């Protein structure tokens, strides 16, 4: 589903894959988190959440994409 997304940003600006960005944002919306400030609360920005999104995206994330 996310494999067909293209990212036209310059390679040096890319920290996260489009898949990681979309999955993280999708999960925030499913959790009714609608602002960027709310993403970085103790409820969502936890090691467990980062670990789970990393597994889904198959990418080693150290923090959530923003």
PDB file of N, CA and C in Angstrom:
ATOM      1  N   UNK A   1       0.812  -1.192   0.000  1.00  0.00           N
ATOM      2  CA  UNK A   1       0.000   0.000   0.000  1.00  0.00           C
ATOM      3  C   UNK A   1       0.862   1.266   0.000  1.00  0.00           C
ATOM      4  N   UNK A   2       1.881   1.307   0.830  1.00  0.00           N
ATOM      5  CA  UNK A   2       2.730   2.501   0.925  1.00  0.00           C
ATOM      6  C   UNK A   2       3.925   2.433  -0.022  1.00  0.00           C
ATOM      7  N   UNK A   3       4.146   1.300  -0.637  1.00  0.00           N
ATOM      8  CA  UNK A   3       5.324   1.136  -1.492  1.00  0.00           C
ATOM      9  C   UNK A   3       5.268   1.989  -2.758  1.00  0.00           C
ATOM     10  N   UNK A   4       4.078   2.379  -3.169  1.00  0.00           N
ATOM     11  CA  UNK A   4       3.938   3.163  -4.393  1.00  0.00           C
ATOM     12  C   UNK A   4       4.043   4.661  -4.163  1.00  0.00           C
ATOM     13  N   UNK A   5       4.196   5.082  -2.921  1.00  0.00           N
ATOM     14  CA  UNK A   5       4.334   6.505  -2.628  1.00  0.00           C
ATOM     15  C   UNK A   5       5.698   7.000  -3.082  1.00  0.00           C
ATOM     16  N   UNK A   6       5.707   8.188  -3.640  1.00  0.00           N
ATOM     17  CA  UNK A   6       6.975   8.772  -4.060  1.00  0.00           C
ATOM     18  C   UNK A   6       7.317   9.948  -3.156  1.00  0.00           C
ATOM     19  N   UNK A   7       8.576  10.170  -2.999  1.00  0.00           N
ATOM     20  CA  UNK A   7       9.051  11.255  -2.151  1.00  0.00           C
ATOM     21  C   UNK A   7      10.001  12.102  -2.981  1.00  0.00           C
ATOM     22  N   UNK A   8       9.594  13.318  -3.268  1.00  0.00           N
ATOM     23  CA  UNK A   8      10.372  14.174  -4.164  1.00  0.00           C
ATOM     24  C   UNK A   8      11.357  15.069  -3.415  1.00  0.00           C
ATOM     25  N   UNK A   9      11.440  14.892  -2.089  1.00  0.00           N
ATOM     26  CA  UNK A   9      12.397  15.702  -1.332  1.00  0.00           C
ATOM     27  C   UNK A   9      13.825  15.286  -1.675  1.00  0.00           C
ATOM     28  N   UNK A  10      14.739  16.194  -1.474  1.00  0.00           N
ATOM     29  CA  UNK A  10      16.154  15.906  -1.689  1.00  0.00           C
ATOM     30  C   UNK A  10      16.586  14.822  -0.694  1.00  0.00           C
ATOM     31  N   UNK A  11      17.396  13.884  -1.131  1.00  0.00           N
ATOM     32  CA  UNK A  11      17.801  12.746  -0.299  1.00  0.00           C
ATOM     33  C   UNK A  11      18.428  13.163   1.026  1.00  0.00           C
ATOM     34  N   UNK A  12      19.125  14.266   1.050  1.00  0.00           N
ATOM     35  CA  UNK A  12      19.788  14.683   2.287  1.00  0.00           C
ATOM     36  C   UNK A  12      18.792  15.150   3.353  1.00  0.00           C
ATOM     37  N   UNK A  13      17.557  15.454   2.940  1.00  0.00           N
ATOM     38  CA  UNK A  13      16.540  15.893   3.895  1.00  0.00           C
ATOM     39  C   UNK A  13      15.706  14.734   4.440  1.00  0.00           C
ATOM     40  N   UNK A  14      15.888  13.552   3.914  1.00  0.00           N
ATOM     41  CA  UNK A  14      15.043  12.414   4.284  1.00  0.00           C
ATOM     42  C   UNK A  14      15.601  11.685   5.501  1.00  0.00           C
ATOM     43  N   UNK A  15      14.834  11.707   6.561  1.00  0.00           N
ATOM     44  CA  UNK A  15      15.172  10.949   7.755  1.00  0.00           C
ATOM     45  C   UNK A  15      14.282   9.726   7.872  1.00  0.00           C
ATOM     46  N   UNK A  16      13.026   9.885   7.489  1.00  0.00           N
ATOM     47  CA  UNK A  16      12.033   8.816   7.597  1.00  0.00           C
ATOM     48  C   UNK A  16      11.501   8.460   6.222  1.00  0.00           C
ATOM     49  N   UNK A  17      11.099   7.212   6.075  1.00  0.00           N
ATOM     50  CA  UNK A  17      10.466   6.794   4.830  1.00  0.00           C
ATOM     51  C   UNK A  17       9.040   7.321   4.801  1.00  0.00           C
ATOM     52  N   UNK A  18       8.473   7.389   3.617  1.00  0.00           N
ATOM     53  CA  UNK A  18       7.083   7.810   3.487  1.00  0.00           C
ATOM     54  C   UNK A  18       6.164   6.838   4.238  1.00  0.00           C
ATOM     55  N   UNK A  19       6.528   5.583   4.254  1.00  0.00           N
ATOM     56  CA  UNK A  19       5.737   4.590   4.968  1.00  0.00           C
ATOM     57  C   UNK A  19       5.714   4.894   6.467  1.00  0.00           C
ATOM     58  N   UNK A  20       6.861   5.207   7.036  1.00  0.00           N
ATOM     59  CA  UNK A  20       6.934   5.508   8.467  1.00  0.00           C
ATOM     60  C   UNK A  20       6.122   6.752   8.805  1.00  0.00           C
ATOM     61  N   UNK A  21       6.193   7.758   7.969  1.00  0.00           N
ATOM     62  CA  UNK A  21       5.445   8.991   8.204  1.00  0.00           C
ATOM     63  C   UNK A  21       3.945   8.732   8.135  1.00  0.00           C
ATOM     64  N   UNK A  22       3.510   8.007   7.114  1.00  0.00           N
ATOM     65  CA  UNK A  22       2.078   7.732   6.939  1.00  0.00           C
ATOM     66  C   UNK A  22       1.531   6.827   8.030  1.00  0.00           C
ATOM     67  N   UNK A  23       2.269   5.792   8.385  1.00  0.00           N
ATOM     68  CA  UNK A  23       1.806   4.869   9.425  1.00  0.00           C
ATOM     69  C   UNK A  23       1.720   5.583  10.773  1.00  0.00           C
ATOM     70  N   UNK A  24       2.715   6.345  11.114  1.00  0.00           N
ATOM     71  CA  UNK A  24       2.684   7.070  12.385  1.00  0.00           C
ATOM     72  C   UNK A  24       1.510   8.032  12.421  1.00  0.00           C
ATOM     73  N   UNK A  25       1.284   8.746  11.342  1.00  0.00           N
ATOM     74  CA  UNK A  25       0.173   9.700  11.293  1.00  0.00           C
ATOM     75  C   UNK A  25      -1.170   8.981  11.333  1.00  0.00           C
ATOM     76  N   UNK A  26      -1.273   7.856  10.652  1.00  0.00           N
ATOM     77  CA  UNK A  26      -2.509   7.066  10.668  1.00  0.00           C
ATOM     78  C   UNK A  26      -2.845   6.617  12.087  1.00  0.00           C
ATOM     79  N   UNK A  27      -1.848   6.123  12.796  1.00  0.00           N
ATOM     80  CA  UNK A  27      -2.078   5.678  14.173  1.00  0.00           C
ATOM     81  C   UNK A  27      -2.446   6.836  15.094  1.00  0.00           C
ATOM     82  N   UNK A  28      -1.868   8.001  14.870  1.00  0.00           N
ATOM     83  CA  UNK A  28      -2.253   9.145  15.700  1.00  0.00           C
ATOM     84  C   UNK A  28      -3.707   9.512  15.459  1.00  0.00           C
ATOM     85  N   UNK A  29      -4.124   9.462  14.214  1.00  0.00           N
ATOM     86  CA  UNK A  29      -5.525   9.776  13.918  1.00  0.00           C
ATOM     87  C   UNK A  29      -6.464   8.729  14.498  1.00  0.00           C
ATOM     88  N   UNK A  30      -6.071   7.467  14.450  1.00  0.00           N
ATOM     89  CA  UNK A  30      -6.889   6.400  15.049  1.00  0.00           C
ATOM     90  C   UNK A  30      -7.008   6.567  16.559  1.00  0.00           C
ATOM     91  N   UNK A  31      -5.998   7.161  17.159  1.00  0.00           N
ATOM     92  CA  UNK A  31      -6.015   7.420  18.604  1.00  0.00           C
ATOM     93  C   UNK A  31      -6.632   8.782  18.929  1.00  0.00           C
ATOM     94  N   UNK A  32      -7.227   9.405  17.922  1.00  0.00           N
ATOM     95  CA  UNK A  32      -7.863  10.728  18.058  1.00  0.00           C
ATOM     96  C   UNK A  32      -6.887  11.823  18.475  1.00  0.00           C
ATOM     97  N   UNK A  33      -5.665  11.681  18.030  1.00  0.00           N
ATOM     98  CA  UNK A  33      -4.656  12.709  18.260  1.00  0.00           C
ATOM     99  C   UNK A  33      -4.587  13.523  16.974  1.00  0.00           C
ATOM    100  N   UNK A  34      -4.955  14.781  17.060  1.00  0.00           N
ATOM    101  CA  UNK A  34      -5.110  15.572  15.846  1.00  0.00           C
ATOM    102  C   UNK A  34      -4.096  16.700  15.700  1.00  0.00           C
ATOM    103  N   UNK A  35      -3.311  16.968  16.725  1.00  0.00           N
ATOM    104  CA  UNK A  35      -2.319  18.038  16.602  1.00  0.00           C
ATOM    105  C   UNK A  35      -0.915  17.478  16.802  1.00  0.00           C
ATOM    106  N   UNK A  36       0.047  18.152  16.222  1.00  0.00           N
ATOM    107  CA  UNK A  36       1.434  17.702  16.358  1.00  0.00           C
ATOM    108  C   UNK A  36       1.886  17.772  17.814  1.00  0.00           C
ATOM    109  N   UNK A  37       1.390  18.741  18.555  1.00  0.00           N
ATOM    110  CA  UNK A  37       1.759  18.869  19.962  1.00  0.00           C
ATOM    111  C   UNK A  37       1.297  17.648  20.753  1.00  0.00           C
ATOM    112  N   UNK A  38       0.097  17.160  20.446  1.00  0.00           N
ATOM    113  CA  UNK A  38      -0.441  16.006  21.161  1.00  0.00           C
ATOM    114  C   UNK A  38       0.306  14.711  20.857  1.00  0.00           C
ATOM    115  N   UNK A  39       0.955  14.637  19.707  1.00  0.00           N
ATOM    116  CA  UNK A  39       1.718  13.429  19.366  1.00  0.00           C
ATOM    117  C   UNK A  39       2.842  13.208  20.371  1.00  0.00           C
ATOM    118  N   UNK A  40       3.434  14.274  20.822  1.00  0.00           N
ATOM    119  CA  UNK A  40       4.603  14.157  21.692  1.00  0.00           C
ATOM    120  C   UNK A  40       4.236  14.222  23.167  1.00  0.00           C
ATOM    121  N   UNK A  41       3.081  13.678  23.503  1.00  0.00           N
ATOM    122  CA  UNK A  41       2.683  13.557  24.900  1.00  0.00           C
ATOM    123  C   UNK A  41       3.173  12.221  25.442  1.00  0.00           C
ATOM    124  N   UNK A  42       3.074  12.064  26.730  1.00  0.00           N
ATOM    125  CA  UNK A  42       3.487  10.806  27.357  1.00  0.00           C
ATOM    126  C   UNK A  42       2.606   9.638  26.947  1.00  0.00           C
ATOM    127  N   UNK A  43       1.423   9.915  26.438  1.00  0.00           N
ATOM    128  CA  UNK A  43       0.496   8.857  26.052  1.00  0.00           C
ATOM    129  C   UNK A  43       0.916   8.174  24.757  1.00  0.00           C
ATOM    130  N   UNK A  44       1.352   8.941  23.773  1.00  0.00           N
ATOM    131  CA  UNK A  44       1.649   8.365  22.457  1.00  0.00           C
ATOM    132  C   UNK A  44       3.133   8.224  22.180  1.00  0.00           C
ATOM    133  N   UNK A  45       3.919   9.177  22.556  1.00  0.00           N
ATOM    134  CA  UNK A  45       5.357   9.159  22.261  1.00  0.00           C
ATOM    135  C   UNK A  45       6.092   8.352  23.334  1.00  0.00           C
ATOM    136  N   UNK A  46       5.879   7.046  23.296  1.00  0.00           N
ATOM    137  CA  UNK A  46       6.510   6.157  24.266  1.00  0.00           C
ATOM    138  C   UNK A  46       7.421   5.181  23.543  1.00  0.00           C
ATOM    139  N   UNK A  47       8.326   4.569  24.271  1.00  0.00           N
ATOM    140  CA  UNK A  47       9.223   3.578  23.664  1.00  0.00           C
ATOM    141  C   UNK A  47       8.443   2.429  23.051  1.00  0.00           C
ATOM    142  N   UNK A  48       7.370   2.018  23.706  1.00  0.00           N
ATOM    143  CA  UNK A  48       6.561   0.914  23.209  1.00  0.00           C
ATOM    144  C   UNK A  48       5.889   1.285  21.879  1.00  0.00           C
ATOM    145  N   UNK A  49       5.368   2.482  21.797  1.00  0.00           N
ATOM    146  CA  UNK A  49       4.725   2.945  20.567  1.00  0.00           C
ATOM    147  C   UNK A  49       5.743   3.046  19.432  1.00  0.00           C
ATOM    148  N   UNK A  50       6.883   3.619  19.710  1.00  0.00           N
ATOM    149  CA  UNK A  50       7.945   3.745  18.702  1.00  0.00           C
ATOM    150  C   UNK A  50       8.391   2.367  18.225  1.00  0.00           C
ATOM    151  N   UNK A  51       8.518   1.440  19.157  1.00  0.00           N
ATOM    152  CA  UNK A  51       8.926   0.075  18.817  1.00  0.00           C
ATOM    153  C   UNK A  51       7.889  -0.603  17.917  1.00  0.00           C
ATOM    154  N   UNK A  52       6.615  -0.422  18.222  1.00  0.00           N
ATOM    155  CA  UNK A  52       5.560  -1.035  17.420  1.00  0.00           C
ATOM    156  C   UNK A  52       5.485  -0.437  16.024  1.00  0.00           C
ATOM    157  N   UNK A  53       5.583   0.872  15.920  1.00  0.00           N
ATOM    158  CA  UNK A  53       5.563   1.509  14.596  1.00  0.00           C
ATOM    159  C   UNK A  53       6.807   1.115  13.805  1.00  0.00           C
ATOM    160  N   UNK A  54       7.935   0.946  14.475  1.00  0.00           N
ATOM    161  CA  UNK A  54       9.156   0.475  13.807  1.00  0.00           C
ATOM    162  C   UNK A  54       8.961  -0.903  13.208  1.00  0.00           C
ATOM    163  N   UNK A  55       8.300  -1.783  13.952  1.00  0.00           N
ATOM    164  CA  UNK A  55       8.044  -3.142  13.444  1.00  0.00           C
ATOM    165  C   UNK A  55       7.125  -3.112  12.233  1.00  0.00           C
ATOM    166  N   UNK A  56       6.080  -2.307  12.303  1.00  0.00           N
ATOM    167  CA  UNK A  56       5.144  -2.217  11.184  1.00  0.00           C
ATOM    168  C   UNK A  56       5.838  -1.675   9.943  1.00  0.00           C
ATOM    169  N   UNK A  57       6.675  -0.681  10.116  1.00  0.00           N
ATOM    170  CA  UNK A  57       7.357  -0.026   8.990  1.00  0.00           C
ATOM    171  C   UNK A  57       8.626  -0.748   8.553  1.00  0.00           C
ATOM    172  N   UNK A  58       9.077  -1.691   9.366  1.00  0.00           N
ATOM    173  CA  UNK A  58      10.333  -2.394   9.102  1.00  0.00           C
ATOM    174  C   UNK A  58      11.485  -1.405   8.972  1.00  0.00           C
ATOM    175  N   UNK A  59      11.508  -0.457   9.915  1.00  0.00           N
ATOM    176  CA  UNK A  59      12.542   0.566   9.959  1.00  0.00           C
ATOM    177  C   UNK A  59      12.893   0.785  11.425  1.00  0.00           C
ATOM    178  N   UNK A  60      14.150   0.957  11.725  1.00  0.00           N
ATOM    179  CA  UNK A  60      14.585   1.168  13.108  1.00  0.00           C
ATOM    180  C   UNK A  60      14.427   2.647  13.460  1.00  0.00           C
ATOM    181  N   UNK A  61      13.303   2.969  14.111  1.00  0.00           N
ATOM    182  CA  UNK A  61      13.032   4.355  14.494  1.00  0.00           C
ATOM    183  C   UNK A  61      13.521   4.603  15.907  1.00  0.00           C
ATOM    184  N   UNK A  62      14.126   5.733  16.119  1.00  0.00           N
ATOM    185  CA  UNK A  62      14.549   6.125  17.462  1.00  0.00           C
ATOM    186  C   UNK A  62      13.554   7.100  18.076  1.00  0.00           C
ATOM    187  N   UNK A  63      12.761   7.737  17.217  1.00  0.00           N
ATOM    188  CA  UNK A  63      11.706   8.640  17.647  1.00  0.00           C
ATOM    189  C   UNK A  63      10.627   8.641  16.568  1.00  0.00           C
ATOM    190  N   UNK A  64       9.488   9.198  16.891  1.00  0.00           N
ATOM    191  CA  UNK A  64       8.393   9.252  15.925  1.00  0.00           C
ATOM    192  C   UNK A  64       8.653  10.337  14.890  1.00  0.00           C
ATOM    193  N   UNK A  65       8.264  10.064  13.636  1.00  0.00           N
ATOM    194  CA  UNK A  65       8.390  11.109  12.622  1.00  0.00           C
ATOM    195  C   UNK A  65       7.427  12.254  12.902  1.00  0.00           C
ATOM    196  N   UNK A  66       7.833  13.433  12.605  1.00  0.00           N
ATOM    197  CA  UNK A  66       6.960  14.588  12.793  1.00  0.00           C
ATOM    198  C   UNK A  66       6.954  15.433  11.553  1.00  0.00           C
TER     199      UNK A  66
END
